[in-house]
Amino acid sequence: MKKVGILCAGDTEFFPFLQYLKDVTVTTKAMLQFHEGRIEDIPVVVLYSGVCKVNAAIAAQLLIDIFHADIIINAGTAGAIDSSVRLFDTIVADKIAYHDVADDILTEFHPWLDSVYFEPSAELLALAQDYGHASEHRILFGTAVTGEQFINNSERAAIYEKYAPLSVDMETASIAHVCHVNQIPFLSIRTITDTAEHDGIEHFEKNCEHASQISAEITVALLQKLEP
């Protein structure tokens, strides 16, 4: 059975997974607590890394090197960029980019990408698309972008013009980056806490708990679809 690393940015995004975890062992590495156990019969390691790209990358590499994760799923929350995205929609990214990194950094230098975009596992994406048809939650598939800031309305237009993403967050691209160079299947499942209409930190804080619960529920449902 493949071992799945589930990586959240914040503690609120992580807490809903505790209700599903069984036979848990907690290990501390690099000031992070890795909760190793099972969800149903699937071996998992679940943690929150803290916000920002470097924290998420540290956690992802440790999941691979120390805990031997075969798959990494980034679960949690995001802000909407596209005007069609509503509060509590869930975005499964089919392309991921940094919105705050120069275009040639990752194409002309390591890891020599063909474009500015990382891609998720085709197999995991197909599972999510199949699940999306029957889910009670609204699941959208499209581009997600990552940068080192909380985005408000004044920055949304420029990001949308360049990348046309559905959502933005502070960690997904860095986790996808780590998975790419390690050839580890990756998927991002992020539920929306704030939009152009419901903008700002106050909406994120108000909606984070409920959005995190939705993201965790979808993630667990997808775990159950994995091949043994």
Protein backbone atom coordinates (compact mmCIF):
# COMPACT_ATOMS: atom_id res chain seq x y z
CA MET A 1 0.00 0.00 0.00
CA LYS A 2 1.36 3.43 -0.93
CA LYS A 3 2.08 5.87 1.89
CA VAL A 4 0.47 9.28 1.48
CA GLY A 5 1.86 12.49 2.90
CA ILE A 6 -0.84 15.07 3.61
CA LEU A 7 0.66 18.52 3.96
CA CYS A 8 -1.28 21.52 5.22
CA ALA A 9 0.01 25.04 5.73
CA GLY A 10 -1.74 25.97 8.97
CA ASP A 11 -3.02 24.26 12.09
CA THR A 12 -6.67 25.04 11.28
CA GLU A 13 -6.25 23.23 7.95
CA PHE A 14 -4.58 20.29 9.69
CA PHE A 15 -7.00 19.77 12.61
CA PRO A 16 -9.88 18.16 10.60
CA PHE A 17 -7.63 15.24 9.70
CA LEU A 18 -7.23 14.24 13.35
CA GLN A 19 -10.77 12.84 13.41
CA TYR A 20 -9.83 10.37 10.65
CA LEU A 21 -6.40 9.30 11.95
CA LYS A 22 -5.88 5.98 13.74
CA ASP A 23 -2.85 4.36 15.41
CA VAL A 24 -0.94 7.64 15.44
CA THR A 25 2.76 8.10 16.19
CA VAL A 26 4.05 11.67 16.38
CA THR A 27 7.64 12.44 15.37
CA THR A 28 9.28 15.86 15.54
CA LYS A 29 11.74 16.90 12.83
CA ALA A 30 12.89 20.42 11.97
CA MET A 31 10.45 21.84 14.55
CA LEU A 32 7.53 20.13 12.73
CA GLN A 33 5.28 17.41 14.11
CA PHE A 34 4.62 14.53 11.72
CA HIS A 35 1.52 12.46 12.60
CA GLU A 36 2.05 8.99 11.18
CA GLY A 37 -0.83 6.52 11.20
CA ARG A 38 -3.71 5.30 9.07
CA ILE A 39 -6.82 6.75 7.51
CA GLU A 40 -9.03 3.70 6.91
CA ASP A 41 -6.35 1.20 5.84
CA ILE A 42 -4.16 3.74 4.07
CA PRO A 43 -0.80 4.60 5.67
CA VAL A 44 -0.49 8.37 5.98
CA VAL A 45 1.72 11.05 7.46
CA VAL A 46 -0.11 14.31 8.18
CA LEU A 47 1.30 17.66 9.30
CA TYR A 48 1.12 21.40 8.98
CA SER A 49 4.27 23.18 7.88
CA GLY A 50 3.54 26.79 8.71
CA VAL A 51 2.79 29.30 5.97
CA CYS A 52 5.14 30.33 3.15
CA LYS A 53 7.06 28.55 0.45
CA VAL A 54 10.20 27.58 2.36
CA ASN A 55 8.32 26.05 5.30
CA ALA A 56 6.19 23.98 2.93
CA ALA A 57 9.24 22.85 0.95
CA ILE A 58 11.05 21.76 4.12
CA ALA A 59 8.03 19.69 5.15
CA ALA A 60 7.62 18.13 1.71
CA GLN A 61 11.27 17.07 1.49
CA LEU A 62 11.12 15.54 4.97
CA LEU A 63 7.98 13.61 4.02
CA ILE A 64 9.94 12.10 1.16
CA ASP A 65 13.35 11.56 2.79
CA ILE A 66 12.41 10.60 6.36
CA PHE A 67 8.88 9.22 6.08
CA HIS A 68 9.15 7.75 2.58
CA ALA A 69 5.90 9.20 1.28
CA ASP A 70 4.98 7.76 -2.12
CA ILE A 71 2.39 10.49 -2.78
CA ILE A 72 1.97 14.01 -1.40
CA ILE A 73 -1.38 15.78 -1.22
CA ASN A 74 -1.47 19.47 -0.35
CA ALA A 75 -4.75 20.09 1.48
CA GLY A 76 -6.13 23.30 2.90
CA THR A 77 -7.45 26.67 1.81
CA ALA A 78 -6.88 29.32 -0.84
CA GLY A 79 -8.11 32.68 -2.07
CA ALA A 80 -10.12 33.00 -5.28
CA ILE A 81 -8.79 34.93 -8.24
CA ASP A 82 -11.25 34.07 -11.00
CA SER A 83 -14.59 35.83 -10.51
CA SER A 84 -16.53 32.60 -11.17
CA VAL A 85 -15.08 30.98 -8.03
CA ARG A 86 -17.31 31.15 -4.96
CA LEU A 87 -16.71 30.82 -1.23
CA PHE A 88 -16.20 27.17 -0.24
CA ASP A 89 -15.62 25.96 -3.78
CA THR A 90 -12.69 23.55 -3.86
CA ILE A 91 -9.91 24.01 -6.40
CA VAL A 92 -7.98 20.98 -7.59
CA ALA A 93 -5.03 22.39 -9.49
CA ASP A 94 -4.26 21.02 -12.94
CA LYS A 95 -1.39 23.53 -13.36
CA ILE A 96 0.62 25.34 -10.69
CA ALA A 97 2.99 28.31 -10.96
CA TYR A 98 4.76 30.87 -8.81
CA HIS A 99 3.35 34.34 -9.43
CA ASP A 100 6.32 36.02 -7.75
CA VAL A 101 9.24 34.27 -9.51
CA ALA A 102 10.74 35.53 -12.79
CA ASP A 103 9.65 33.45 -15.77
CA ASP A 104 13.10 32.17 -16.70
CA ILE A 105 14.27 31.15 -13.22
CA LEU A 106 12.88 27.61 -13.44
CA THR A 107 13.19 27.15 -17.19
CA GLU A 108 16.77 28.36 -17.71
CA PHE A 109 18.03 26.98 -14.39
CA HIS A 110 17.29 23.95 -12.20
CA PRO A 111 14.88 22.16 -12.59
CA TRP A 112 14.80 23.25 -16.27
CA LEU A 113 11.04 23.15 -16.71
CA ASP A 114 9.47 23.28 -20.16
CA SER A 115 7.23 26.12 -18.95
CA VAL A 116 6.58 28.08 -15.75
CA TYR A 117 3.99 25.48 -14.70
CA PHE A 118 4.27 22.39 -12.55
CA GLU A 119 1.71 19.66 -13.18
CA PRO A 120 0.03 17.27 -10.73
CA SER A 121 -0.01 13.51 -11.07
CA ALA A 122 -2.22 12.59 -14.03
CA GLU A 123 -3.52 9.56 -12.13
CA LEU A 124 -4.44 11.55 -9.02
CA LEU A 125 -6.00 14.30 -11.12
CA ALA A 126 -8.14 11.73 -12.95
CA LEU A 127 -9.31 10.29 -9.63
CA ALA A 128 -10.26 13.77 -8.46
CA GLN A 129 -12.13 14.51 -11.68
CA ASP A 130 -14.06 11.25 -11.37
CA TYR A 131 -14.91 12.00 -7.75
CA GLY A 132 -15.91 15.56 -8.63
CA HIS A 133 -18.86 14.36 -10.69
CA ALA A 134 -20.50 12.78 -7.64
CA SER A 135 -19.31 15.01 -4.81
CA GLU A 136 -21.77 17.13 -2.85
CA HIS A 137 -19.11 19.83 -2.85
CA ARG A 138 -18.43 22.08 -5.85
CA ILE A 139 -15.00 21.09 -7.19
CA LEU A 140 -13.30 23.11 -9.93
CA PHE A 141 -10.21 22.21 -11.93
CA GLY A 142 -7.77 24.83 -13.18
CA THR A 143 -4.61 26.81 -12.53
CA ALA A 144 -3.40 27.69 -9.05
CA VAL A 145 -0.61 30.17 -8.32
CA THR A 146 1.61 30.67 -5.32
CA GLY A 147 3.41 33.68 -3.90
CA GLU A 148 4.74 35.05 -0.65
CA GLN A 149 1.87 37.36 0.22
CA PHE A 150 -1.81 37.45 1.10
CA ILE A 151 -3.56 38.76 -2.02
CA ASN A 152 -6.19 41.48 -1.82
CA ASN A 153 -8.22 43.07 -4.61
CA SER A 154 -5.49 45.47 -5.67
CA GLU A 155 -3.22 42.56 -6.75
CA ARG A 156 -5.84 40.23 -8.22
CA ALA A 157 -6.11 41.87 -11.66
CA ALA A 158 -2.40 41.66 -12.51
CA ILE A 159 -2.15 38.03 -11.41
CA TYR A 160 -5.26 37.11 -13.38
CA GLU A 161 -4.02 38.87 -16.52
CA LYS A 162 -0.79 36.85 -16.56
CA TYR A 163 -1.87 33.41 -15.33
CA ALA A 164 -5.72 33.30 -15.40
CA PRO A 165 -5.72 31.18 -12.23
CA LEU A 166 -8.72 30.05 -10.25
CA SER A 167 -6.93 30.46 -6.92
CA VAL A 168 -3.86 31.76 -5.12
CA ASP A 169 -2.03 30.63 -1.99
CA MET A 170 1.42 30.73 -0.38
CA GLU A 171 2.61 27.09 -0.60
CA THR A 172 1.27 24.92 -3.43
CA ALA A 173 3.92 25.64 -6.08
CA SER A 174 6.76 25.02 -3.64
CA ILE A 175 5.34 21.60 -2.71
CA ALA A 176 4.78 20.80 -6.39
CA HIS A 177 8.38 21.92 -7.03
CA VAL A 178 9.77 19.51 -4.42
CA CYS A 179 7.62 16.66 -5.72
CA HIS A 180 8.71 17.37 -9.30
CA VAL A 181 12.43 17.11 -8.61
CA ASN A 182 11.89 13.97 -6.51
CA GLN A 183 9.47 12.40 -9.04
CA ILE A 184 6.76 12.03 -6.39
CA PRO A 185 3.08 12.13 -7.45
CA PHE A 186 1.41 15.30 -6.21
CA LEU A 187 -2.08 16.80 -5.96
CA SER A 188 -3.41 20.03 -4.45
CA ILE A 189 -6.89 20.28 -2.89
CA ARG A 190 -7.66 23.80 -1.66
CA THR A 191 -11.04 25.18 -0.55
CA ILE A 192 -11.82 28.88 -0.98
CA THR A 193 -11.98 31.22 2.02
CA ASP A 194 -11.97 34.63 0.32
CA THR A 195 -12.94 36.13 -3.02
CA ALA A 196 -12.98 39.56 -4.67
CA GLU A 197 -16.46 40.02 -3.22
CA HIS A 198 -15.52 38.66 0.21
CA ASP A 199 -12.03 40.07 0.47
CA GLY A 200 -9.41 40.36 3.18
CA ILE A 201 -7.88 38.63 6.18
CA GLU A 202 -11.13 38.87 8.13
CA HIS A 203 -12.94 36.67 5.60
CA PHE A 204 -10.08 34.19 5.58
CA GLU A 205 -10.20 33.92 9.36
CA LYS A 206 -14.00 33.66 9.42
CA ASN A 207 -14.16 30.94 6.75
CA CYS A 208 -10.94 28.99 7.30
CA GLU A 209 -12.33 26.36 9.67
CA HIS A 210 -15.28 25.40 7.47
CA ALA A 211 -13.18 25.47 4.28
CA SER A 212 -10.55 23.28 5.94
CA GLN A 213 -13.19 20.73 6.89
CA ILE A 214 -14.37 20.54 3.28
CA SER A 215 -10.82 20.12 1.95
CA ALA A 216 -10.13 17.33 4.45
CA GLU A 217 -13.37 15.55 3.58
CA ILE A 218 -12.55 15.61 -0.13
CA THR A 219 -8.97 14.49 0.51
CA VAL A 220 -10.11 11.50 2.59
CA ALA A 221 -12.67 10.53 -0.05
CA LEU A 222 -9.91 10.53 -2.70
CA LEU A 223 -7.63 8.44 -0.49
CA GLN A 224 -10.27 5.73 -0.49
CA LYS A 225 -10.13 5.64 -4.30
CA LEU A 226 -6.39 4.90 -4.44
CA GLU A 227 -5.36 1.53 -5.79
CA PRO A 228 -3.91 -0.81 -3.10
